[in-house]
Amino acid sequence: MPRTSSVIAGVWVVVLAASYQIYFRPLLAKFGVGRVITPVGNTDCTTIPELKACEKIVLHQPTGVIYLACSTPESRTHWTPAVDRLNAAGMSTTDYVATFDPKTSKITKLSIAGYTSGRGLALHGMDVVPSASDANELFVYLVNHRRPLDASAVGADSVIEIFRTSIGSSTLTHVKTVEDPVIDTPNDVVGYSDGKSFHFTNDHGSKSGFLRTIELFDISRASVGYCHIDEGCKIAVANMHANNGIAKAPQNDTIYVANCNRGGVTILEKQLDNTLVRTDTIATDYPLDNLAVDENGALWAAGIPDALTTVFTHFQNPSIPAPSAGLRITLNFGPGSFYGEKYKVDKVFEDDGTLASGVTTVVYDSQRKRLFLNGLASPQLVICKA
C-alpha cells in the first residue's frame, strides 16, 4: 500500500509539473510575471492631472479634440463591474464626459440635458461618431454600469446610453437608454452614424458567480452584441474569450476586439444582418484593453505589461503605480511577411507607471503626431509626441 501511494503521488507530481510548464507558466508570463519594463516613448510628454480615471478616449480627427469618459480613481476601486468591484455604495455620482483641445489646453466637462434617470452614470466604454446627415453633429455612445434596482442582485444593471452633441458644444443631449438581456456585461462600444445602432463587447458570460471566475482559464463565454433602437438586440458572435475593447476600421466593415487575458486581437467582418464572422487573429505579448484605429489605418492598443499589479494592486489602490504600454499594429510589409508574419506589432510606448499608470486607453492622432493615454483609475491624462 505505501508503494502504491508513492506511485500515485509521483504521478500527480508529474501531472502538476507538466500542467505548470504547458499552461500556467505561459499564462503567468503573459500576465507579466518576470517581465522587464523597458522605457519607450515616455520622455517628450506632458500631463493633464485634471483629467483622471478616464477609461476611454476617442479622437475627433477633424478638430484634433479628444473626448474622454471619466470618473474618480477612488470610486473606481468600489464600483467597476468589469473587474468584479461591486460595492454600489461607492459608485461615483459625478462621472462625466469631457473634451480636451490640445491646441488651447481647454478642458470642457460636458453638461447633461434630457437625462432624467435617477440611477446616475457610471461610465466605462465610449464611442463618438459623426452623424451621417450632418458632420457637425456627433453621436456619443456610452457604457453605463447602473447600480441594480434590486438590492439583492449581484453585479451591475448595465445599459448603453446614446447622447447627441455637436462640435464645440458643451452639452450632451440624451437620446435613448438601450437596455436588453443581451447587454449583459458590456465593456466597450462602437456606434454607427445613424445614431441608432451599435456593436458592443460582453466581457464575460455572466455578471457574477463560479462560471464567470473560471472564464480566466480560456472558457469562451464572452460575446459581441448588436443593437438597433428600433429593432432590438442580438448576439452578433458568441463563444469568445476575455473580450474588452472594440474598434471599427473607418474604411470598411472590419471590427477588432481585444483580449484582456491572453492578449491578441480578433478580427471580425460585419455581415448584412449585422452578425460578425471571425476572419483572423493577431497575437500580442501583452493582454490588451481598449483599441483605436488612426487615420492611416493602424490599430492602437493599450497593453498591460503587469496585469497582476494592475488588477489586484493599482485598481485597489490607484496611488500605487502600474506599468503601461501602447502598441501599434499594422500589416507587415517587411521580410517577416514571407514567413507568415502577416501583422507587425510595435511597442511605441512603455512606462513603469511613474508617468502613465494603469493605462487602459491609447489613441494616436497621426496627423498631429500626438499620443494620448489615460486609464480606468489613472492619476492623469498623458500626451506624448510620437
Protein backbone atom coordinates (compact mmCIF):
# COMPACT_ATOMS: atom_id res chain seq x y z
CA MET A 1 0.00 0.00 0.00
CA PRO A 2 2.72 2.55 0.82
CA ARG A 3 4.36 1.72 -2.50
CA THR A 4 1.07 2.30 -4.35
CA SER A 5 0.62 5.66 -2.59
CA SER A 6 4.12 6.66 -3.60
CA VAL A 7 3.43 5.80 -7.21
CA ILE A 8 0.17 7.81 -7.20
CA ALA A 9 1.92 10.75 -5.55
CA GLY A 10 4.67 10.57 -8.16
CA VAL A 11 2.14 10.59 -10.97
CA TRP A 12 0.45 13.66 -9.51
CA VAL A 13 3.79 15.46 -9.26
CA VAL A 14 4.44 14.74 -12.93
CA VAL A 15 0.94 15.89 -13.94
CA LEU A 16 1.21 19.10 -11.92
CA ALA A 17 4.69 19.83 -13.26
CA ALA A 18 3.51 19.27 -16.82
CA SER A 19 0.44 21.47 -16.26
CA TYR A 20 2.63 24.25 -14.93
CA GLN A 21 5.04 24.09 -17.86
CA ILE A 22 2.37 23.76 -20.56
CA TYR A 23 -0.36 26.05 -19.23
CA PHE A 24 0.32 28.05 -16.08
CA ARG A 25 3.87 29.20 -16.78
CA PRO A 26 2.97 30.77 -20.17
CA LEU A 27 -0.14 32.31 -18.60
CA LEU A 28 1.84 33.87 -15.76
CA ALA A 29 4.39 35.16 -18.27
CA LYS A 30 1.58 36.75 -20.27
CA PHE A 31 0.31 38.38 -17.08
CA GLY A 32 3.76 39.94 -16.65
CA VAL A 33 5.48 37.71 -14.10
CA GLY A 34 9.20 38.19 -14.74
CA ARG A 35 8.66 40.81 -17.43
CA VAL A 36 11.26 43.60 -17.61
CA ILE A 37 9.72 47.03 -18.23
CA THR A 38 11.71 48.90 -20.89
CA PRO A 39 11.02 52.65 -21.16
CA VAL A 40 9.93 53.60 -24.68
CA GLY A 41 8.48 56.88 -25.95
CA ASN A 42 7.96 58.37 -22.48
CA THR A 43 10.35 61.33 -22.50
CA ASP A 44 8.68 64.02 -24.61
CA CYS A 45 5.36 64.11 -22.76
CA THR A 46 3.04 66.46 -20.90
CA THR A 47 0.45 65.64 -18.26
CA ILE A 48 -3.05 66.94 -17.51
CA PRO A 49 -3.78 65.99 -13.88
CA GLU A 50 -7.30 67.48 -14.02
CA LEU A 51 -8.39 64.54 -16.22
CA LYS A 52 -8.19 61.44 -14.03
CA ALA A 53 -9.71 57.97 -14.25
CA CYS A 54 -10.79 58.30 -17.88
CA GLU A 55 -11.32 54.71 -19.00
CA LYS A 56 -11.79 55.55 -22.68
CA ILE A 57 -10.54 58.24 -25.07
CA VAL A 58 -11.96 58.90 -28.54
CA LEU A 59 -10.30 61.29 -31.00
CA HIS A 60 -12.36 63.57 -33.24
CA GLN A 61 -9.90 63.59 -36.09
CA PRO A 62 -11.01 66.73 -38.00
CA THR A 63 -10.56 69.02 -34.98
CA GLY A 64 -7.92 67.11 -33.00
CA VAL A 65 -10.15 67.32 -29.92
CA ILE A 66 -10.42 64.23 -27.73
CA TYR A 67 -13.47 63.00 -25.81
CA LEU A 68 -12.93 61.20 -22.50
CA ALA A 69 -15.24 59.07 -20.31
CA CYS A 70 -14.12 59.87 -16.77
CA SER A 71 -14.79 59.15 -13.11
CA THR A 72 -12.64 59.40 -9.98
CA PRO A 73 -9.87 56.96 -9.04
CA GLU A 74 -11.48 56.42 -5.62
CA SER A 75 -14.90 55.42 -6.94
CA ARG A 76 -13.36 53.03 -9.47
CA THR A 77 -12.00 50.97 -6.56
CA HIS A 78 -15.56 50.43 -5.32
CA TRP A 79 -17.69 50.18 -8.46
CA THR A 80 -16.09 48.70 -11.59
CA PRO A 81 -18.13 45.65 -12.56
CA ALA A 82 -15.71 44.65 -15.33
CA VAL A 83 -13.12 43.74 -12.66
CA ASP A 84 -15.60 42.50 -10.05
CA ARG A 85 -15.61 45.62 -7.88
CA LEU A 86 -19.27 45.64 -6.89
CA ASN A 87 -19.69 47.95 -3.92
CA ALA A 88 -22.55 50.03 -5.34
CA ALA A 89 -22.49 52.27 -2.28
CA GLY A 90 -19.15 53.60 -3.51
CA MET A 91 -20.36 54.34 -7.04
CA SER A 92 -19.49 57.83 -8.22
CA THR A 93 -22.26 60.37 -8.64
CA THR A 94 -20.03 62.68 -10.68
CA ASP A 95 -18.92 60.63 -13.71
CA TYR A 96 -18.70 62.81 -16.80
CA VAL A 97 -17.68 63.12 -20.44
CA ALA A 98 -15.04 65.75 -21.10
CA THR A 99 -13.39 67.25 -24.14
CA PHE A 100 -9.78 68.34 -24.29
CA ASP A 101 -8.40 70.58 -27.03
CA PRO A 102 -4.61 70.15 -27.29
CA LYS A 103 -4.26 73.41 -29.24
CA THR A 104 -5.60 75.50 -26.38
CA SER A 105 -5.32 73.02 -23.45
CA LYS A 106 -9.00 73.77 -22.77
CA ILE A 107 -10.92 71.17 -20.73
CA THR A 108 -14.71 71.14 -21.01
CA LYS A 109 -16.84 68.90 -18.81
CA LEU A 110 -19.99 68.40 -20.85
CA SER A 111 -23.28 69.10 -19.11
CA ILE A 112 -26.14 66.62 -19.46
CA ALA A 113 -29.55 67.55 -20.86
CA GLY A 114 -32.66 65.39 -21.06
CA TYR A 115 -31.32 62.53 -18.95
CA THR A 116 -33.89 62.02 -16.21
CA SER A 117 -32.85 58.69 -14.70
CA GLY A 118 -32.08 58.84 -11.00
CA ARG A 119 -29.71 55.90 -11.30
CA GLY A 120 -26.81 58.01 -12.48
CA LEU A 121 -23.94 57.46 -14.87
CA ALA A 122 -21.10 55.02 -14.16
CA LEU A 123 -19.07 55.37 -17.32
CA HIS A 124 -16.86 52.79 -18.98
CA GLY A 125 -16.54 52.28 -22.76
CA MET A 126 -17.45 55.03 -25.25
CA ASP A 127 -17.58 55.95 -28.92
CA VAL A 128 -18.07 59.30 -30.64
CA VAL A 129 -19.40 59.18 -34.20
CA PRO A 130 -20.25 61.97 -36.67
CA SER A 131 -23.83 61.87 -37.93
CA ALA A 132 -24.37 60.56 -41.45
CA SER A 133 -26.58 63.58 -42.23
CA ASP A 134 -24.56 66.37 -40.58
CA ALA A 135 -20.81 66.12 -39.92
CA ASN A 136 -21.13 68.85 -37.28
CA GLU A 137 -23.47 66.64 -35.23
CA LEU A 138 -21.94 63.87 -33.10
CA PHE A 139 -23.48 60.81 -31.50
CA VAL A 140 -21.90 59.68 -28.22
CA TYR A 141 -22.41 56.05 -27.22
CA LEU A 142 -21.60 55.20 -23.58
CA VAL A 143 -21.47 52.04 -21.48
CA ASN A 144 -23.31 52.87 -18.25
CA HIS A 145 -22.93 50.43 -15.35
CA ARG A 146 -26.04 51.37 -13.37
CA ARG A 147 -26.47 50.01 -9.87
CA PRO A 148 -29.15 47.28 -9.79
CA LEU A 149 -32.66 48.23 -8.75
CA ASP A 150 -32.88 45.03 -6.71
CA ALA A 151 -30.55 45.45 -3.75
CA SER A 152 -30.11 41.66 -3.53
CA ALA A 153 -28.83 41.42 -7.11
CA VAL A 154 -25.12 40.97 -7.72
CA GLY A 155 -23.47 42.95 -10.50
CA ALA A 156 -24.46 45.99 -12.49
CA ASP A 157 -27.66 46.62 -14.41
CA SER A 158 -25.65 47.85 -17.38
CA VAL A 159 -27.05 49.67 -20.41
CA ILE A 160 -25.84 51.62 -23.43
CA GLU A 161 -26.69 55.33 -23.39
CA ILE A 162 -26.93 57.34 -26.62
CA PHE A 163 -26.38 61.09 -26.48
CA ARG A 164 -26.20 63.79 -29.13
CA THR A 165 -23.88 66.79 -29.26
CA SER A 166 -22.16 68.99 -31.82
CA ILE A 167 -18.61 70.10 -32.48
CA GLY A 168 -17.63 72.72 -29.90
CA SER A 169 -20.76 72.19 -27.79
CA SER A 170 -20.55 71.91 -24.01
CA THR A 171 -23.76 69.87 -23.73
CA LEU A 172 -24.73 66.23 -24.22
CA THR A 173 -28.43 65.75 -25.00
CA HIS A 174 -29.84 62.36 -24.12
CA VAL A 175 -31.36 60.37 -26.98
CA LYS A 176 -32.02 56.87 -25.64
CA THR A 177 -31.21 54.36 -22.91
CA VAL A 178 -30.86 50.94 -24.54
CA GLU A 179 -31.43 48.05 -22.14
CA ASP A 180 -31.79 44.41 -23.12
CA PRO A 181 -30.81 40.99 -21.70
CA VAL A 182 -28.22 40.76 -24.47
CA ILE A 183 -26.45 43.77 -22.89
CA ASP A 184 -25.22 41.65 -20.00
CA THR A 185 -21.60 42.52 -19.19
CA PRO A 186 -20.81 45.35 -21.64
CA ASN A 187 -17.28 46.67 -21.71
CA ASP A 188 -16.87 48.82 -24.81
CA VAL A 189 -18.96 50.00 -27.75
CA VAL A 190 -18.67 51.11 -31.39
CA GLY A 191 -21.51 53.23 -32.65
CA TYR A 192 -22.83 53.97 -36.11
CA SER A 193 -23.59 57.24 -37.82
CA ASP A 194 -27.38 56.73 -37.78
CA GLY A 195 -27.43 57.45 -34.03
CA LYS A 196 -29.49 54.30 -33.54
CA SER A 197 -27.24 51.24 -33.78
CA PHE A 198 -24.05 49.86 -32.27
CA HIS A 199 -21.92 46.79 -31.61
CA PHE A 200 -20.54 46.18 -28.11
CA THR A 201 -18.44 43.65 -26.23
CA ASN A 202 -19.70 41.49 -23.36
CA ASP A 203 -16.53 40.76 -21.40
CA HIS A 204 -17.98 37.71 -19.59
CA GLY A 205 -20.82 35.26 -19.97
CA SER A 206 -22.40 36.22 -16.66
CA LYS A 207 -22.37 39.09 -14.18
CA SER A 208 -21.07 37.02 -11.25
CA GLY A 209 -20.58 33.52 -9.94
CA PHE A 210 -18.36 30.50 -10.44
CA LEU A 211 -18.75 30.32 -14.22
CA ARG A 212 -17.55 33.90 -14.53
CA THR A 213 -14.50 33.10 -12.41
CA ILE A 214 -13.39 30.07 -14.42
CA GLU A 215 -13.50 32.06 -17.67
CA LEU A 216 -9.97 33.07 -16.71
CA PHE A 217 -8.92 29.60 -17.85
CA ASP A 218 -9.81 30.05 -21.52
CA ILE A 219 -13.51 29.29 -21.08
CA SER A 220 -15.12 31.09 -24.03
CA ARG A 221 -18.36 32.70 -22.84
CA ALA A 222 -17.80 36.31 -23.90
CA SER A 223 -19.55 37.77 -26.95
CA VAL A 224 -20.17 40.75 -29.18
CA GLY A 225 -23.73 42.06 -29.34
CA TYR A 226 -25.58 44.28 -31.77
CA CYS A 227 -28.47 46.63 -31.05
CA HIS A 228 -30.72 48.91 -33.08
CA ILE A 229 -33.11 51.05 -31.09
CA ASP A 230 -35.99 50.27 -33.49
CA GLU A 231 -35.22 46.57 -33.98
CA GLY A 232 -33.83 45.29 -30.67
CA CYS A 233 -30.63 43.47 -29.73
CA LYS A 234 -28.98 40.16 -30.60
CA ILE A 235 -25.70 38.32 -30.19
CA ALA A 236 -23.54 39.07 -33.24
CA VAL A 237 -20.85 36.50 -32.40
CA ALA A 238 -20.63 34.17 -29.39
CA ASN A 239 -18.08 31.90 -27.72
CA MET A 240 -15.31 34.48 -27.49
CA HIS A 241 -12.85 34.89 -24.63
CA ALA A 242 -12.00 37.84 -22.37
CA ASN A 243 -13.44 40.49 -24.68
CA ASN A 244 -12.51 44.06 -23.88
CA GLY A 245 -12.01 46.96 -26.27
CA ILE A 246 -13.73 47.10 -29.65
CA ALA A 247 -12.91 49.29 -32.64
CA LYS A 248 -14.09 49.65 -36.22
CA ALA A 249 -11.99 50.39 -39.28
CA PRO A 250 -13.30 53.65 -40.80
CA GLN A 251 -12.75 52.43 -44.37
CA ASN A 252 -14.74 49.17 -44.25
CA ASP A 253 -16.78 46.79 -42.08
CA THR A 254 -13.82 45.29 -40.25
CA ILE A 255 -14.21 45.16 -36.47
CA TYR A 256 -11.42 44.46 -33.97
CA VAL A 257 -11.86 43.01 -30.46
CA ALA A 258 -9.13 42.89 -27.81
CA ASN A 259 -8.46 40.01 -25.42
CA CYS A 260 -7.60 41.25 -21.90
CA ASN A 261 -6.42 37.86 -20.66
CA ARG A 262 -4.33 36.03 -23.24
CA GLY A 263 -3.74 39.15 -25.30
CA GLY A 264 -4.23 39.48 -29.03
CA VAL A 265 -6.91 40.84 -31.31
CA THR A 266 -9.75 39.01 -33.05
CA ILE A 267 -10.63 40.39 -36.48
CA LEU A 268 -14.30 40.22 -37.43
CA GLU A 269 -16.23 41.09 -40.57
CA LYS A 270 -19.74 42.54 -40.38
CA GLN A 271 -22.39 40.69 -42.36
CA LEU A 272 -25.54 42.10 -43.97
CA ASP A 273 -27.61 41.08 -40.93
CA ASN A 274 -25.05 42.76 -38.59
CA THR A 275 -23.77 39.45 -37.25
CA LEU A 276 -19.99 39.07 -37.23
CA VAL A 277 -17.70 36.40 -38.65
CA ARG A 278 -14.18 35.70 -37.40
CA THR A 279 -11.60 36.16 -40.15
CA ASP A 280 -8.22 36.35 -38.41
CA THR A 281 -6.36 36.84 -35.14
CA ILE A 282 -3.33 38.92 -34.21
CA ALA A 283 -1.10 37.68 -31.40
CA THR A 284 0.45 40.06 -28.87
CA ASP A 285 2.78 39.56 -25.92
CA TYR A 286 0.60 41.66 -23.63
CA PRO A 287 -3.02 41.42 -22.51
CA LEU A 288 -4.92 44.25 -24.18
CA ASP A 289 -7.56 46.73 -23.11
CA ASN A 290 -9.08 49.37 -25.39
CA LEU A 291 -8.43 49.69 -29.13
CA ALA A 292 -8.44 52.59 -31.59
CA VAL A 293 -7.79 52.96 -35.33
CA ASP A 294 -5.85 56.01 -36.52
CA GLU A 295 -6.38 57.98 -39.73
CA ASN A 296 -3.78 55.87 -41.54
CA GLY A 297 -5.49 52.60 -40.63
CA ALA A 298 -3.06 51.49 -37.92
CA LEU A 299 -4.63 49.75 -34.93
CA TRP A 300 -3.57 51.01 -31.49
CA ALA A 301 -3.95 49.05 -28.28
CA ALA A 302 -3.43 49.73 -24.59
CA GLY A 303 -1.10 46.95 -23.46
CA ILE A 304 -0.97 45.71 -19.87
CA PRO A 305 2.66 44.81 -19.05
CA ASP A 306 1.90 43.65 -15.48
CA ALA A 307 -1.71 42.51 -15.28
CA LEU A 308 -1.45 41.19 -11.72
CA THR A 309 -0.25 44.56 -10.38
CA THR A 310 -2.79 46.47 -12.47
CA VAL A 311 -5.84 44.44 -11.46
CA PHE A 312 -5.04 43.41 -7.90
CA THR A 313 -2.97 46.36 -6.66
CA HIS A 314 -3.49 49.50 -8.77
CA PHE A 315 -7.25 49.05 -9.19
CA GLN A 316 -7.49 48.51 -5.42
CA ASN A 317 -5.25 51.45 -4.55
CA PRO A 318 -4.73 53.81 -7.52
CA SER A 319 -1.90 55.61 -5.72
CA ILE A 320 0.23 52.51 -6.36
CA PRO A 321 1.53 52.76 -9.93
CA ALA A 322 1.10 50.07 -12.57
CA PRO A 323 3.20 49.81 -15.76
CA SER A 324 1.59 50.80 -19.05
CA ALA A 325 2.22 50.23 -22.75
CA GLY A 326 0.96 51.43 -26.11
CA LEU A 327 1.11 49.07 -29.10
CA ARG A 328 0.73 49.86 -32.80
CA ILE A 329 -0.46 47.04 -35.06
CA THR A 330 -0.08 47.26 -38.85
CA LEU A 331 0.12 44.94 -41.84
CA ASN A 332 3.63 43.56 -42.18
CA PHE A 333 5.29 44.50 -45.46
CA GLY A 334 8.76 43.59 -44.21
CA PRO A 335 10.81 40.40 -44.71
CA GLY A 336 8.85 38.62 -42.00
CA SER A 337 5.76 38.66 -44.20
CA PHE A 338 7.34 35.97 -46.37
CA TYR A 339 7.42 33.70 -43.31
CA GLY A 340 3.77 34.06 -42.40
CA GLU A 341 4.08 37.13 -40.14
CA LYS A 342 1.06 38.94 -41.52
CA TYR A 343 0.96 41.67 -38.87
CA LYS A 344 3.61 43.83 -37.28
CA VAL A 345 3.24 44.71 -33.60
CA ASP A 346 5.39 47.64 -32.43
CA LYS A 347 5.75 48.80 -28.84
CA VAL A 348 5.59 52.59 -29.24
CA PHE A 349 5.21 53.44 -25.56
CA GLU A 350 6.13 51.78 -22.28
CA ASP A 351 6.45 53.24 -18.81
CA ASP A 352 6.86 51.75 -15.33
CA GLY A 353 3.84 53.70 -14.08
CA THR A 354 5.69 56.77 -12.86
CA LEU A 355 4.36 58.83 -15.77
CA ALA A 356 1.47 56.76 -17.14
CA SER A 357 -0.09 54.44 -14.59
CA GLY A 358 -2.71 51.78 -15.26
CA VAL A 359 -3.41 52.93 -18.81
CA THR A 360 -6.50 51.35 -20.41
CA THR A 361 -6.84 53.56 -23.49
CA VAL A 362 -4.29 54.70 -26.08
CA VAL A 363 -5.24 56.94 -29.01
CA TYR A 364 -2.93 58.32 -31.70
CA ASP A 365 -3.50 61.44 -33.77
CA SER A 366 -1.42 60.55 -36.83
CA GLN A 367 -1.99 63.97 -38.41
CA ARG A 368 -0.67 65.94 -35.44
CA LYS A 369 1.72 63.25 -34.08
CA ARG A 370 0.19 63.09 -30.60
CA LEU A 371 -0.27 60.00 -28.45
CA PHE A 372 -2.94 60.23 -25.72
CA LEU A 373 -3.03 57.86 -22.73
CA ASN A 374 -5.33 57.52 -19.73
CA GLY A 375 -6.86 54.73 -17.70
CA LEU A 376 -9.63 53.39 -15.53
CA ALA A 377 -8.02 54.72 -12.33
CA SER A 378 -5.10 56.70 -13.79
CA PRO A 379 -3.99 59.89 -12.00
CA GLN A 380 -3.70 61.99 -15.17
CA LEU A 381 -4.01 62.28 -18.92
CA VAL A 382 -0.63 61.83 -20.61
CA ILE A 383 0.16 63.32 -24.03
CA CYS A 384 3.37 62.35 -25.82
CA LYS A 385 4.89 63.35 -29.14
CA ALA A 386 5.22 60.25 -31.27
